[in-house]
């Protein structure tokens, strides 16, 4: 969970940094606000893809481990073959 929070906060910070940079470069008028938002979003995706790669990899590893643990727990809870629960599952 910690990696998710860290990565999310960093993504928001990158977006706000890009937004600020484009604002300082001159996209200040009301008619430029949609371009400011879209430009900051596109720019932050590009910057995040390069700069936040290690954080994204850590998040991916944690999610994979969590998924494997969940699958192992589900396999441990599966009814034994020939039990009443297995017969009920087969009936449906």
PDB file of N, CA and C in Angstrom:
ATOM      1  N   UNK A   1       0.819  -1.192   0.000  1.00  0.00           N
ATOM      2  CA  UNK A   1       0.000   0.000   0.000  1.00  0.00           C
ATOM      3  C   UNK A   1       0.868   1.264   0.000  1.00  0.00           C
ATOM      4  N   UNK A   2       2.014   1.165   0.650  1.00  0.00           N
ATOM      5  CA  UNK A   2       2.887   2.323   0.734  1.00  0.00           C
ATOM      6  C   UNK A   2       3.383   2.742  -0.642  1.00  0.00           C
ATOM      7  N   UNK A   3       3.716   1.778  -1.490  1.00  0.00           N
ATOM      8  CA  UNK A   3       4.206   2.088  -2.830  1.00  0.00           C
ATOM      9  C   UNK A   3       3.120   2.777  -3.654  1.00  0.00           C
ATOM     10  N   UNK A   4       1.871   2.363  -3.475  1.00  0.00           N
ATOM     11  CA  UNK A   4       0.762   2.974  -4.200  1.00  0.00           C
ATOM     12  C   UNK A   4       0.606   4.437  -3.817  1.00  0.00           C
ATOM     13  N   UNK A   5       0.653   4.709  -2.524  1.00  0.00           N
ATOM     14  CA  UNK A   5       0.507   6.089  -2.039  1.00  0.00           C
ATOM     15  C   UNK A   5       1.679   6.942  -2.524  1.00  0.00           C
ATOM     16  N   UNK A   6       2.883   6.408  -2.415  1.00  0.00           N
ATOM     17  CA  UNK A   6       4.070   7.145  -2.858  1.00  0.00           C
ATOM     18  C   UNK A   6       3.985   7.471  -4.344  1.00  0.00           C
ATOM     19  N   UNK A   7       3.652   6.469  -5.151  1.00  0.00           N
ATOM     20  CA  UNK A   7       3.582   6.670  -6.598  1.00  0.00           C
ATOM     21  C   UNK A   7       2.481   7.680  -6.948  1.00  0.00           C
ATOM     22  N   UNK A   8       1.341   7.571  -6.295  1.00  0.00           N
ATOM     23  CA  UNK A   8       0.235   8.491  -6.579  1.00  0.00           C
ATOM     24  C   UNK A   8       0.599   9.928  -6.225  1.00  0.00           C
ATOM     25  N   UNK A   9       1.227  10.112  -5.071  1.00  0.00           N
ATOM     26  CA  UNK A   9       1.625  11.464  -4.670  1.00  0.00           C
ATOM     27  C   UNK A   9       2.657  12.031  -5.641  1.00  0.00           C
ATOM     28  N   UNK A  10       3.604  11.211  -6.050  1.00  0.00           N
ATOM     29  CA  UNK A  10       4.604  11.681  -7.007  1.00  0.00           C
ATOM     30  C   UNK A  10       3.981  12.036  -8.352  1.00  0.00           C
ATOM     31  N   UNK A  11       3.002  11.245  -8.802  1.00  0.00           N
ATOM     32  CA  UNK A  11       2.320  11.566 -10.068  1.00  0.00           C
ATOM     33  C   UNK A  11       1.598  12.907  -9.973  1.00  0.00           C
ATOM     34  N   UNK A  12       0.940  13.146  -8.845  1.00  0.00           N
ATOM     35  CA  UNK A  12       0.243  14.420  -8.655  1.00  0.00           C
ATOM     36  C   UNK A  12       1.248  15.573  -8.644  1.00  0.00           C
ATOM     37  N   UNK A  13       2.364  15.357  -7.978  1.00  0.00           N
ATOM     38  CA  UNK A  13       3.390  16.409  -7.926  1.00  0.00           C
ATOM     39  C   UNK A  13       3.964  16.699  -9.309  1.00  0.00           C
ATOM     40  N   UNK A  14       4.184  15.659 -10.103  1.00  0.00           N
ATOM     41  CA  UNK A  14       4.687  15.861 -11.465  1.00  0.00           C
ATOM     42  C   UNK A  14       3.658  16.638 -12.279  1.00  0.00           C
ATOM     43  N   UNK A  15       2.374  16.284 -12.151  1.00  0.00           N
ATOM     44  CA  UNK A  15       1.333  16.997 -12.891  1.00  0.00           C
ATOM     45  C   UNK A  15       1.297  18.465 -12.478  1.00  0.00           C
ATOM     46  N   UNK A  16       1.330  18.725 -11.173  1.00  0.00           N
ATOM     47  CA  UNK A  16       1.291  20.113 -10.713  1.00  0.00           C
ATOM     48  C   UNK A  16       2.535  20.881 -11.151  1.00  0.00           C
ATOM     49  N   UNK A  17       3.674  20.216 -11.194  1.00  0.00           N
ATOM     50  CA  UNK A  17       4.891  20.863 -11.693  1.00  0.00           C
ATOM     51  C   UNK A  17       4.773  21.225 -13.165  1.00  0.00           C
ATOM     52  N   UNK A  18       4.229  20.317 -13.953  1.00  0.00           N
ATOM     53  CA  UNK A  18       4.029  20.596 -15.385  1.00  0.00           C
ATOM     54  C   UNK A  18       3.006  21.707 -15.585  1.00  0.00           C
ATOM     55  N   UNK A  19       1.958  21.675 -14.779  1.00  0.00           N
ATOM     56  CA  UNK A  19       0.935  22.717 -14.842  1.00  0.00           C
ATOM     57  C   UNK A  19       1.555  24.077 -14.527  1.00  0.00           C
ATOM     58  N   UNK A  20       2.367  24.134 -13.494  1.00  0.00           N
ATOM     59  CA  UNK A  20       3.025  25.391 -13.115  1.00  0.00           C
ATOM     60  C   UNK A  20       3.988  25.867 -14.198  1.00  0.00           C
ATOM     61  N   UNK A  21       4.741  24.939 -14.774  1.00  0.00           N
ATOM     62  CA  UNK A  21       5.702  25.311 -15.815  1.00  0.00           C
ATOM     63  C   UNK A  21       4.990  25.894 -17.034  1.00  0.00           C
ATOM     64  N   UNK A  22       3.905  25.249 -17.458  1.00  0.00           N
ATOM     65  CA  UNK A  22       3.164  25.767 -18.615  1.00  0.00           C
ATOM     66  C   UNK A  22       2.497  27.103 -18.293  1.00  0.00           C
ATOM     67  N   UNK A  23       2.049  27.259 -17.061  1.00  0.00           N
ATOM     68  CA  UNK A  23       1.456  28.529 -16.647  1.00  0.00           C
ATOM     69  C   UNK A  23       2.508  29.640 -16.717  1.00  0.00           C
ATOM     70  N   UNK A  24       3.703  29.328 -16.216  1.00  0.00           N
ATOM     71  CA  UNK A  24       4.770  30.333 -16.235  1.00  0.00           C
ATOM     72  C   UNK A  24       5.262  30.624 -17.653  1.00  0.00           C
ATOM     73  N   UNK A  25       5.080  29.661 -18.562  1.00  0.00           N
ATOM     74  CA  UNK A  25       5.481  29.885 -19.957  1.00  0.00           C
ATOM     75  C   UNK A  25       4.476  30.718 -20.740  1.00  0.00           C
ATOM     76  N   UNK A  26       3.322  31.023 -20.128  1.00  0.00           N
ATOM     77  CA  UNK A  26       2.420  31.946 -20.785  1.00  0.00           C
ATOM     78  C   UNK A  26       1.000  31.468 -21.024  1.00  0.00           C
ATOM     79  N   UNK A  27       0.651  30.261 -20.647  1.00  0.00           N
ATOM     80  CA  UNK A  27      -0.731  29.797 -20.825  1.00  0.00           C
ATOM     81  C   UNK A  27      -1.561  30.246 -19.622  1.00  0.00           C
ATOM     82  N   UNK A  28      -1.852  31.553 -19.573  1.00  0.00           N
ATOM     83  CA  UNK A  28      -2.501  32.140 -18.398  1.00  0.00           C
ATOM     84  C   UNK A  28      -3.912  32.624 -18.656  1.00  0.00           C
ATOM     85  N   UNK A  29      -4.237  32.915 -19.863  1.00  0.00           N
ATOM     86  CA  UNK A  29      -5.544  33.499 -20.151  1.00  0.00           C
ATOM     87  C   UNK A  29      -6.634  32.435 -20.044  1.00  0.00           C
ATOM     88  N   UNK A  30      -7.853  32.894 -19.880  1.00  0.00           N
ATOM     89  CA  UNK A  30      -8.988  31.978 -19.714  1.00  0.00           C
ATOM     90  C   UNK A  30      -9.167  31.088 -20.941  1.00  0.00           C
ATOM     91  N   UNK A  31      -8.899  31.622 -22.126  1.00  0.00           N
ATOM     92  CA  UNK A  31      -9.066  30.820 -23.340  1.00  0.00           C
ATOM     93  C   UNK A  31      -7.996  29.733 -23.460  1.00  0.00           C
ATOM     94  N   UNK A  32      -6.895  29.855 -22.702  1.00  0.00           N
ATOM     95  CA  UNK A  32      -5.814  28.870 -22.746  1.00  0.00           C
ATOM     96  C   UNK A  32      -5.939  27.792 -21.675  1.00  0.00           C
ATOM     97  N   UNK A  33      -6.902  27.921 -20.761  1.00  0.00           N
ATOM     98  CA  UNK A  33      -7.003  26.971 -19.655  1.00  0.00           C
ATOM     99  C   UNK A  33      -7.203  25.520 -20.100  1.00  0.00           C
ATOM    100  N   UNK A  34      -8.053  25.251 -21.121  1.00  0.00           N
ATOM    101  CA  UNK A  34      -8.147  23.848 -21.563  1.00  0.00           C
ATOM    102  C   UNK A  34      -6.813  23.329 -22.107  1.00  0.00           C
ATOM    103  N   UNK A  35      -6.090  24.170 -22.846  1.00  0.00           N
ATOM    104  CA  UNK A  35      -4.787  23.748 -23.371  1.00  0.00           C
ATOM    105  C   UNK A  35      -3.778  23.574 -22.245  1.00  0.00           C
ATOM    106  N   UNK A  36      -3.908  24.386 -21.223  1.00  0.00           N
ATOM    107  CA  UNK A  36      -3.028  24.268 -20.066  1.00  0.00           C
ATOM    108  C   UNK A  36      -3.225  22.909 -19.385  1.00  0.00           C
ATOM    109  N   UNK A  37      -4.460  22.528 -19.173  1.00  0.00           N
ATOM    110  CA  UNK A  37      -4.759  21.260 -18.501  1.00  0.00           C
ATOM    111  C   UNK A  37      -4.340  20.064 -19.356  1.00  0.00           C
ATOM    112  N   UNK A  38      -4.686  20.082 -20.631  1.00  0.00           N
ATOM    113  CA  UNK A  38      -4.334  18.972 -21.524  1.00  0.00           C
ATOM    114  C   UNK A  38      -2.818  18.881 -21.701  1.00  0.00           C
ATOM    115  N   UNK A  39      -2.190  20.012 -21.888  1.00  0.00           N
ATOM    116  CA  UNK A  39      -0.737  20.026 -22.044  1.00  0.00           C
ATOM    117  C   UNK A  39      -0.025  19.516 -20.803  1.00  0.00           C
ATOM    118  N   UNK A  40      -0.500  19.916 -19.635  1.00  0.00           N
ATOM    119  CA  UNK A  40       0.105  19.441 -18.389  1.00  0.00           C
ATOM    120  C   UNK A  40      -0.109  17.944 -18.220  1.00  0.00           C
ATOM    121  N   UNK A  41      -1.267  17.440 -18.605  1.00  0.00           N
ATOM    122  CA  UNK A  41      -1.539  16.006 -18.491  1.00  0.00           C
ATOM    123  C   UNK A  41      -0.626  15.197 -19.413  1.00  0.00           C
ATOM    124  N   UNK A  42      -0.508  15.637 -20.655  1.00  0.00           N
ATOM    125  CA  UNK A  42       0.340  14.914 -21.617  1.00  0.00           C
ATOM    126  C   UNK A  42       1.806  14.988 -21.195  1.00  0.00           C
ATOM    127  N   UNK A  43       2.242  16.152 -20.814  1.00  0.00           N
ATOM    128  CA  UNK A  43       3.631  16.328 -20.395  1.00  0.00           C
ATOM    129  C   UNK A  43       3.936  15.519 -19.132  1.00  0.00           C
ATOM    130  N   UNK A  44       2.997  15.471 -18.191  1.00  0.00           N
ATOM    131  CA  UNK A  44       3.238  14.722 -16.958  1.00  0.00           C
ATOM    132  C   UNK A  44       3.286  13.218 -17.214  1.00  0.00           C
ATOM    133  N   UNK A  45       2.515  12.732 -18.193  1.00  0.00           N
ATOM    134  CA  UNK A  45       2.590  11.307 -18.550  1.00  0.00           C
ATOM    135  C   UNK A  45       3.978  10.981 -19.086  1.00  0.00           C
ATOM    136  N   UNK A  46       4.488  11.837 -19.949  1.00  0.00           N
ATOM    137  CA  UNK A  46       5.814  11.598 -20.525  1.00  0.00           C
ATOM    138  C   UNK A  46       6.912  11.665 -19.464  1.00  0.00           C
ATOM    139  N   UNK A  47       6.833  12.648 -18.605  1.00  0.00           N
ATOM    140  CA  UNK A  47       7.845  12.793 -17.557  1.00  0.00           C
ATOM    141  C   UNK A  47       7.752  11.628 -16.573  1.00  0.00           C
ATOM    142  N   UNK A  48       6.542  11.246 -16.199  1.00  0.00           N
ATOM    143  CA  UNK A  48       6.356  10.151 -15.242  1.00  0.00           C
ATOM    144  C   UNK A  48       6.845   8.826 -15.794  1.00  0.00           C
ATOM    145  N   UNK A  49       6.675   8.608 -17.087  1.00  0.00           N
ATOM    146  CA  UNK A  49       7.112   7.356 -17.694  1.00  0.00           C
ATOM    147  C   UNK A  49       8.614   7.173 -17.551  1.00  0.00           C
ATOM    148  N   UNK A  50       9.350   8.256 -17.559  1.00  0.00           N
ATOM    149  CA  UNK A  50      10.803   8.175 -17.472  1.00  0.00           C
ATOM    150  C   UNK A  50      11.282   8.299 -16.018  1.00  0.00           C
ATOM    151  N   UNK A  51      10.807   9.312 -15.347  1.00  0.00           N
ATOM    152  CA  UNK A  51      11.332   9.646 -14.025  1.00  0.00           C
ATOM    153  C   UNK A  51      10.827   8.694 -12.937  1.00  0.00           C
ATOM    154  N   UNK A  52       9.591   8.269 -13.020  1.00  0.00           N
ATOM    155  CA  UNK A  52       9.001   7.458 -11.955  1.00  0.00           C
ATOM    156  C   UNK A  52       9.071   5.954 -12.226  1.00  0.00           C
ATOM    157  N   UNK A  53       9.885   5.535 -13.151  1.00  0.00           N
ATOM    158  CA  UNK A  53      10.007   4.111 -13.493  1.00  0.00           C
ATOM    159  C   UNK A  53      10.345   3.240 -12.275  1.00  0.00           C
ATOM    160  N   UNK A  54      11.310   3.612 -11.416  1.00  0.00           N
ATOM    161  CA  UNK A  54      11.612   2.749 -10.265  1.00  0.00           C
ATOM    162  C   UNK A  54      10.440   2.623  -9.296  1.00  0.00           C
ATOM    163  N   UNK A  55       9.699   3.691  -9.109  1.00  0.00           N
ATOM    164  CA  UNK A  55       8.546   3.646  -8.208  1.00  0.00           C
ATOM    165  C   UNK A  55       7.431   2.782  -8.794  1.00  0.00           C
ATOM    166  N   UNK A  56       7.258   2.869 -10.099  1.00  0.00           N
ATOM    167  CA  UNK A  56       6.240   2.058 -10.767  1.00  0.00           C
ATOM    168  C   UNK A  56       6.614   0.577 -10.695  1.00  0.00           C
ATOM    169  N   UNK A  57       7.890   0.269 -10.839  1.00  0.00           N
ATOM    170  CA  UNK A  57       8.357  -1.120 -10.753  1.00  0.00           C
ATOM    171  C   UNK A  57       8.125  -1.675  -9.345  1.00  0.00           C
ATOM    172  N   UNK A  58       8.395  -0.874  -8.328  1.00  0.00           N
ATOM    173  CA  UNK A  58       8.165  -1.300  -6.945  1.00  0.00           C
ATOM    174  C   UNK A  58       6.677  -1.558  -6.706  1.00  0.00           C
ATOM    175  N   UNK A  59       5.827  -0.686  -7.226  1.00  0.00           N
ATOM    176  CA  UNK A  59       4.386  -0.872  -7.091  1.00  0.00           C
ATOM    177  C   UNK A  59       3.940  -2.139  -7.802  1.00  0.00           C
ATOM    178  N   UNK A  60       4.475  -2.385  -8.975  1.00  0.00           N
ATOM    179  CA  UNK A  60       4.133  -3.589  -9.728  1.00  0.00           C
ATOM    180  C   UNK A  60       4.529  -4.852  -8.956  1.00  0.00           C
ATOM    181  N   UNK A  61       5.708  -4.831  -8.354  1.00  0.00           N
ATOM    182  CA  UNK A  61       6.156  -5.989  -7.578  1.00  0.00           C
ATOM    183  C   UNK A  61       5.247  -6.244  -6.384  1.00  0.00           C
ATOM    184  N   UNK A  62       4.844  -5.183  -5.700  1.00  0.00           N
ATOM    185  CA  UNK A  62       3.957  -5.351  -4.549  1.00  0.00           C
ATOM    186  C   UNK A  62       2.595  -5.878  -4.972  1.00  0.00           C
ATOM    187  N   UNK A  63       2.075  -5.381  -6.075  1.00  0.00           N
ATOM    188  CA  UNK A  63       0.763  -5.851  -6.541  1.00  0.00           C
ATOM    189  C   UNK A  63       0.830  -7.304  -7.002  1.00  0.00           C
ATOM    190  N   UNK A  64       1.929  -7.693  -7.637  1.00  0.00           N
ATOM    191  CA  UNK A  64       2.092  -9.076  -8.071  1.00  0.00           C
ATOM    192  C   UNK A  64       2.173 -10.008  -6.873  1.00  0.00           C
ATOM    193  N   UNK A  65       2.948  -9.627  -5.861  1.00  0.00           N
ATOM    194  CA  UNK A  65       3.070 -10.450  -4.656  1.00  0.00           C
ATOM    195  C   UNK A  65       1.727 -10.573  -3.952  1.00  0.00           C
ATOM    196  N   UNK A  66       0.999  -9.493  -3.906  1.00  0.00           N
ATOM    197  CA  UNK A  66      -0.322  -9.508  -3.267  1.00  0.00           C
ATOM    198  C   UNK A  66      -1.294 -10.409  -4.027  1.00  0.00           C
ATOM    199  N   UNK A  67      -1.228 -10.358  -5.340  1.00  0.00           N
ATOM    200  CA  UNK A  67      -2.094 -11.198  -6.165  1.00  0.00           C
ATOM    201  C   UNK A  67      -1.754 -12.674  -5.983  1.00  0.00           C
ATOM    202  N   UNK A  68      -0.467 -12.993  -5.929  1.00  0.00           N
ATOM    203  CA  UNK A  68      -0.053 -14.389  -5.715  1.00  0.00           C
ATOM    204  C   UNK A  68      -0.510 -14.889  -4.348  1.00  0.00           C
ATOM    205  N   UNK A  69      -0.365 -14.055  -3.332  1.00  0.00           N
ATOM    206  CA  UNK A  69      -0.793 -14.455  -1.987  1.00  0.00           C
ATOM    207  C   UNK A  69      -2.296 -14.693  -1.949  1.00  0.00           C
ATOM    208  N   UNK A  70      -3.043 -13.851  -2.628  1.00  0.00           N
ATOM    209  CA  UNK A  70      -4.498 -14.019  -2.674  1.00  0.00           C
ATOM    210  C   UNK A  70      -4.872 -15.316  -3.399  1.00  0.00           C
ATOM    211  N   UNK A  71      -4.159 -15.633  -4.480  1.00  0.00           N
ATOM    212  CA  UNK A  71      -4.438 -16.872  -5.216  1.00  0.00           C
ATOM    213  C   UNK A  71      -4.085 -18.095  -4.373  1.00  0.00           C
ATOM    214  N   UNK A  72      -2.997 -18.017  -3.609  1.00  0.00           N
ATOM    215  CA  UNK A  72      -2.624 -19.135  -2.740  1.00  0.00           C
ATOM    216  C   UNK A  72      -3.649 -19.341  -1.636  1.00  0.00           C
ATOM    217  N   UNK A  73      -4.145 -18.255  -1.062  1.00  0.00           N
ATOM    218  CA  UNK A  73      -5.180 -18.378  -0.020  1.00  0.00           C
ATOM    219  C   UNK A  73      -6.450 -18.991  -0.589  1.00  0.00           C
ATOM    220  N   UNK A  74      -6.802 -18.605  -1.805  1.00  0.00           N
ATOM    221  CA  UNK A  74      -8.002 -19.159  -2.434  1.00  0.00           C
ATOM    222  C   UNK A  74      -7.821 -20.643  -2.719  1.00  0.00           C
ATOM    223  N   UNK A  75      -6.627 -21.038  -3.118  1.00  0.00           N
ATOM    224  CA  UNK A  75      -6.368 -22.458  -3.387  1.00  0.00           C
ATOM    225  C   UNK A  75      -6.422 -23.267  -2.096  1.00  0.00           C
ATOM    226  N   UNK A  76      -5.974 -22.676  -0.997  1.00  0.00           N
ATOM    227  CA  UNK A  76      -6.020 -23.372   0.290  1.00  0.00           C
ATOM    228  C   UNK A  76      -7.448 -23.553   0.786  1.00  0.00           C
ATOM    229  N   UNK A  77      -8.348 -22.654   0.405  1.00  0.00           N
ATOM    230  CA  UNK A  77      -9.735 -22.730   0.845  1.00  0.00           C
ATOM    231  C   UNK A  77     -10.613 -23.571  -0.066  1.00  0.00           C
ATOM    232  N   UNK A  78     -10.069 -24.063  -1.169  1.00  0.00           N
ATOM    233  CA  UNK A  78     -10.870 -24.859  -2.113  1.00  0.00           C
ATOM    234  C   UNK A  78     -11.330 -26.150  -1.426  1.00  0.00           C
ATOM    235  N   UNK A  79     -12.574 -26.567  -1.661  1.00  0.00           N
ATOM    236  CA  UNK A  79     -13.073 -27.785  -1.013  1.00  0.00           C
ATOM    237  C   UNK A  79     -12.336 -29.020  -1.525  1.00  0.00           C
ATOM    238  N   UNK A  80     -12.159 -29.970  -0.639  1.00  0.00           N
ATOM    239  CA  UNK A  80     -11.489 -31.214  -1.009  1.00  0.00           C
ATOM    240  C   UNK A  80     -12.374 -32.012  -1.961  1.00  0.00           C
ATOM    241  N   UNK A  81     -11.766 -32.709  -2.931  1.00  0.00           N
ATOM    242  CA  UNK A  81     -12.568 -33.512  -3.855  1.00  0.00           C
ATOM    243  C   UNK A  81     -13.312 -34.606  -3.082  1.00  0.00           C
ATOM    244  N   UNK A  82     -14.561 -34.812  -3.417  1.00  0.00           N
ATOM    245  CA  UNK A  82     -15.372 -35.828  -2.757  1.00  0.00           C
ATOM    246  C   UNK A  82     -16.094 -35.315  -1.527  1.00  0.00           C
ATOM    247  N   UNK A  83     -15.846 -34.080  -1.122  1.00  0.00           N
ATOM    248  CA  UNK A  83     -16.536 -33.537   0.050  1.00  0.00           C
ATOM    249  C   UNK A  83     -17.918 -33.044  -0.351  1.00  0.00           C
ATOM    250  N   UNK A  84     -18.727 -32.766   0.653  1.00  0.00           N
ATOM    251  CA  UNK A  84     -20.082 -32.276   0.392  1.00  0.00           C
ATOM    252  C   UNK A  84     -20.045 -30.935  -0.334  1.00  0.00           C
ATOM    253  N   UNK A  85     -19.101 -30.071   0.027  1.00  0.00           N
ATOM    254  CA  UNK A  85     -19.005 -28.760  -0.628  1.00  0.00           C
ATOM    255  C   UNK A  85     -18.665 -28.921  -2.101  1.00  0.00           C
ATOM    256  N   UNK A  86     -17.774 -29.835  -2.419  1.00  0.00           N
ATOM    257  CA  UNK A  86     -17.407 -30.061  -3.821  1.00  0.00           C
ATOM    258  C   UNK A  86     -18.594 -30.609  -4.599  1.00  0.00           C
ATOM    259  N   UNK A  87     -19.374 -31.489  -3.984  1.00  0.00           N
ATOM    260  CA  UNK A  87     -20.555 -32.022  -4.642  1.00  0.00           C
ATOM    261  C   UNK A  87     -21.579 -30.939  -4.886  1.00  0.00           C
ATOM    262  N   UNK A  88     -21.736 -30.035  -3.920  1.00  0.00           N
ATOM    263  CA  UNK A  88     -22.675 -28.923  -4.117  1.00  0.00           C
ATOM    264  C   UNK A  88     -22.216 -28.013  -5.252  1.00  0.00           C
ATOM    265  N   UNK A  89     -20.905 -27.767  -5.333  1.00  0.00           N
ATOM    266  CA  UNK A  89     -20.386 -26.932  -6.404  1.00  0.00           C
ATOM    267  C   UNK A  89     -20.580 -27.593  -7.761  1.00  0.00           C
ATOM    268  N   UNK A  90     -20.432 -28.915  -7.816  1.00  0.00           N
ATOM    269  CA  UNK A  90     -20.620 -29.637  -9.070  1.00  0.00           C
ATOM    270  C   UNK A  90     -22.080 -29.652  -9.502  1.00  0.00           C
ATOM    271  N   UNK A  91     -22.986 -29.635  -8.544  1.00  0.00           N
ATOM    272  CA  UNK A  91     -24.414 -29.686  -8.822  1.00  0.00           C
ATOM    273  C   UNK A  91     -24.892 -28.431  -9.523  1.00  0.00           C
ATOM    274  N   UNK A  92     -24.327 -27.308  -9.164  1.00  0.00           N
ATOM    275  CA  UNK A  92     -24.751 -26.027  -9.739  1.00  0.00           C
ATOM    276  C   UNK A  92     -24.258 -25.937 -11.105  1.00  0.00           C
TER     277      UNK A  92
END
